[in-house]
């Protein structure tokens, strides 16, 4: 049976670096990527910095995201950095309907971090799939609004 929603592609790959500014400089200076914007998501206790994933800067292209726990010592990103160190934090996949995706995941018994969609950065609705359900990789489901 096919899911009642479609995965439209990779939305972004998120990194949690030790030195946010160094990673930002690498993306822009060494790779020549376009900075697309930043946002503080206070309810998730994280700052996000979004970059185009290619020099063509296509609106449809997947993106690269730098996560910054900022001053939030108890943020999930700060805990990630303390536990695992810098590195790949999660992969985000664009879905056409996050509500249908969540309903399907719950019906299938997939362990979720979020049982309901919540506001994400950059005008999105999001939900995270628990790494225990995916073999250890944190997956974010994203619906663009």
Protein backbone atom coordinates (compact mmCIF):
# COMPACT_ATOMS: atom_id res chain seq x y z
CA UNK A 1 0.00 0.00 0.00
CA UNK A 2 1.35 3.40 -1.00
CA UNK A 3 1.53 6.25 1.52
CA UNK A 4 -1.18 8.92 1.15
CA UNK A 5 1.49 11.61 0.79
CA UNK A 6 4.45 12.22 -1.51
CA UNK A 7 8.09 12.82 -0.66
CA UNK A 8 9.07 15.63 -3.02
CA UNK A 9 12.81 15.52 -2.35
CA UNK A 10 15.51 16.59 0.05
CA UNK A 11 14.61 19.94 1.58
CA UNK A 12 17.89 20.48 3.41
CA UNK A 13 20.79 18.86 5.19
CA UNK A 14 21.46 20.36 8.62
CA UNK A 15 24.85 20.67 10.30
CA UNK A 16 25.62 21.40 13.94
CA UNK A 17 29.16 22.83 13.89
CA UNK A 18 31.36 23.75 16.83
CA UNK A 19 32.21 27.05 15.15
CA UNK A 20 29.15 28.46 13.35
CA UNK A 21 31.02 31.42 11.88
CA UNK A 22 33.74 29.18 10.45
CA UNK A 23 31.13 27.01 8.71
CA UNK A 24 29.32 30.10 7.40
CA UNK A 25 32.59 31.44 5.98
CA UNK A 26 33.34 28.08 4.37
CA UNK A 27 29.93 27.96 2.68
CA UNK A 28 30.17 31.50 1.32
CA UNK A 29 33.90 32.09 0.80
CA UNK A 30 35.23 28.65 -0.16
CA UNK A 31 32.13 27.22 -1.86
CA UNK A 32 30.56 30.45 -3.10
CA UNK A 33 27.09 29.50 -1.87
CA UNK A 34 24.34 32.08 -1.49
CA UNK A 35 23.15 32.92 2.02
CA UNK A 36 19.35 32.64 2.03
CA UNK A 37 18.55 33.93 5.51
CA UNK A 38 18.58 33.29 9.20
CA UNK A 39 15.89 32.74 11.76
CA UNK A 40 15.73 32.17 15.51
CA UNK A 41 13.15 29.53 16.39
CA UNK A 42 12.69 30.24 20.09
CA UNK A 43 10.36 27.32 20.83
CA UNK A 44 13.03 24.97 19.45
CA UNK A 45 15.85 26.99 21.05
CA UNK A 46 17.91 27.22 17.87
CA UNK A 47 19.20 29.69 15.36
CA UNK A 48 19.15 28.57 11.72
CA UNK A 49 21.24 29.84 8.83
CA UNK A 50 20.12 28.63 5.40
CA UNK A 51 22.30 28.43 2.28
CA UNK A 52 21.66 27.40 -1.32
CA UNK A 53 23.20 23.98 -1.97
CA UNK A 54 24.58 24.97 -5.35
CA UNK A 55 25.99 28.05 -7.01
CA UNK A 56 23.02 28.05 -9.40
CA UNK A 57 20.84 29.08 -6.42
CA UNK A 58 17.76 27.41 -7.86
CA UNK A 59 14.61 27.99 -5.83
CA UNK A 60 13.83 24.28 -6.13
CA UNK A 61 17.29 23.08 -5.06
CA UNK A 62 17.83 21.50 -1.68
CA UNK A 63 19.58 23.66 0.87
CA UNK A 64 22.22 23.47 3.59
CA UNK A 65 21.33 24.57 7.10
CA UNK A 66 23.66 25.54 9.93
CA UNK A 67 22.21 25.10 13.40
CA UNK A 68 23.32 27.33 16.25
CA UNK A 69 22.20 26.69 19.83
CA UNK A 70 23.08 30.33 20.57
CA UNK A 71 22.62 31.06 24.24
CA UNK A 72 20.23 28.15 24.76
CA UNK A 73 22.32 25.75 26.87
CA UNK A 74 19.42 23.30 27.20
CA UNK A 75 18.58 23.24 23.48
CA UNK A 76 18.42 19.97 21.54
CA UNK A 77 21.32 21.20 19.37
CA UNK A 78 23.48 22.01 22.41
CA UNK A 79 22.74 18.55 23.80
CA UNK A 80 23.62 17.01 20.41
CA UNK A 81 26.96 18.85 20.34
CA UNK A 82 27.75 17.78 23.93
CA UNK A 83 26.87 14.16 23.24
CA UNK A 84 28.07 13.60 19.66
CA UNK A 85 30.22 16.59 18.75
CA UNK A 86 29.99 18.59 15.56
CA UNK A 87 28.59 17.01 12.44
CA UNK A 88 25.53 16.13 10.44
CA UNK A 89 22.47 16.78 12.60
CA UNK A 90 19.55 15.76 10.37
CA UNK A 91 18.25 15.34 6.86
CA UNK A 92 14.98 17.09 6.01
CA UNK A 93 12.62 15.74 3.38
CA UNK A 94 9.89 17.82 1.75
CA UNK A 95 6.45 16.21 1.81
CA UNK A 96 3.33 17.44 0.08
CA UNK A 97 1.20 17.00 3.23
CA UNK A 98 2.76 16.79 6.66
CA UNK A 99 -0.58 15.96 8.27
CA UNK A 100 -1.06 12.95 5.99
CA UNK A 101 2.58 11.94 6.57
CA UNK A 102 2.15 12.06 10.35
CA UNK A 103 -1.10 10.11 10.22
CA UNK A 104 0.57 7.46 8.06
CA UNK A 105 3.67 7.23 10.28
CA UNK A 106 1.52 6.81 13.38
CA UNK A 107 -0.60 4.17 11.64
CA UNK A 108 2.60 2.30 10.72
CA UNK A 109 3.89 2.50 14.31
CA UNK A 110 6.89 4.65 13.39
CA UNK A 111 8.45 6.19 16.50
CA UNK A 112 8.14 9.97 16.24
CA UNK A 113 9.55 12.88 18.19
CA UNK A 114 6.58 15.00 17.12
CA UNK A 115 3.06 13.58 17.08
CA UNK A 116 1.72 16.79 15.53
CA UNK A 117 3.20 19.24 13.06
CA UNK A 118 4.75 22.39 14.49
CA UNK A 119 6.05 25.64 13.09
CA UNK A 120 9.50 25.36 11.60
CA UNK A 121 11.99 27.90 10.35
CA UNK A 122 11.67 29.58 6.96
CA UNK A 123 7.86 29.37 6.64
CA UNK A 124 7.40 25.64 7.13
CA UNK A 125 5.48 23.05 9.12
CA UNK A 126 7.73 20.29 10.46
CA UNK A 127 7.84 17.05 12.41
CA UNK A 128 10.80 14.90 13.38
CA UNK A 129 11.02 11.12 13.05
CA UNK A 130 12.91 9.57 15.96
CA UNK A 131 16.34 8.17 15.05
CA UNK A 132 15.35 4.81 16.58
CA UNK A 133 12.87 4.41 13.71
CA UNK A 134 15.42 5.08 10.97
CA UNK A 135 18.48 3.18 12.07
CA UNK A 136 20.05 6.15 13.83
CA UNK A 137 19.49 9.13 11.51
CA UNK A 138 17.30 12.04 12.59
CA UNK A 139 14.80 12.78 9.79
CA UNK A 140 12.75 15.95 9.58
CA UNK A 141 9.57 16.04 7.52
CA UNK A 142 8.92 19.49 6.06
CA UNK A 143 5.93 21.04 4.35
CA UNK A 144 6.54 24.42 2.73
CA UNK A 145 3.75 26.89 3.45
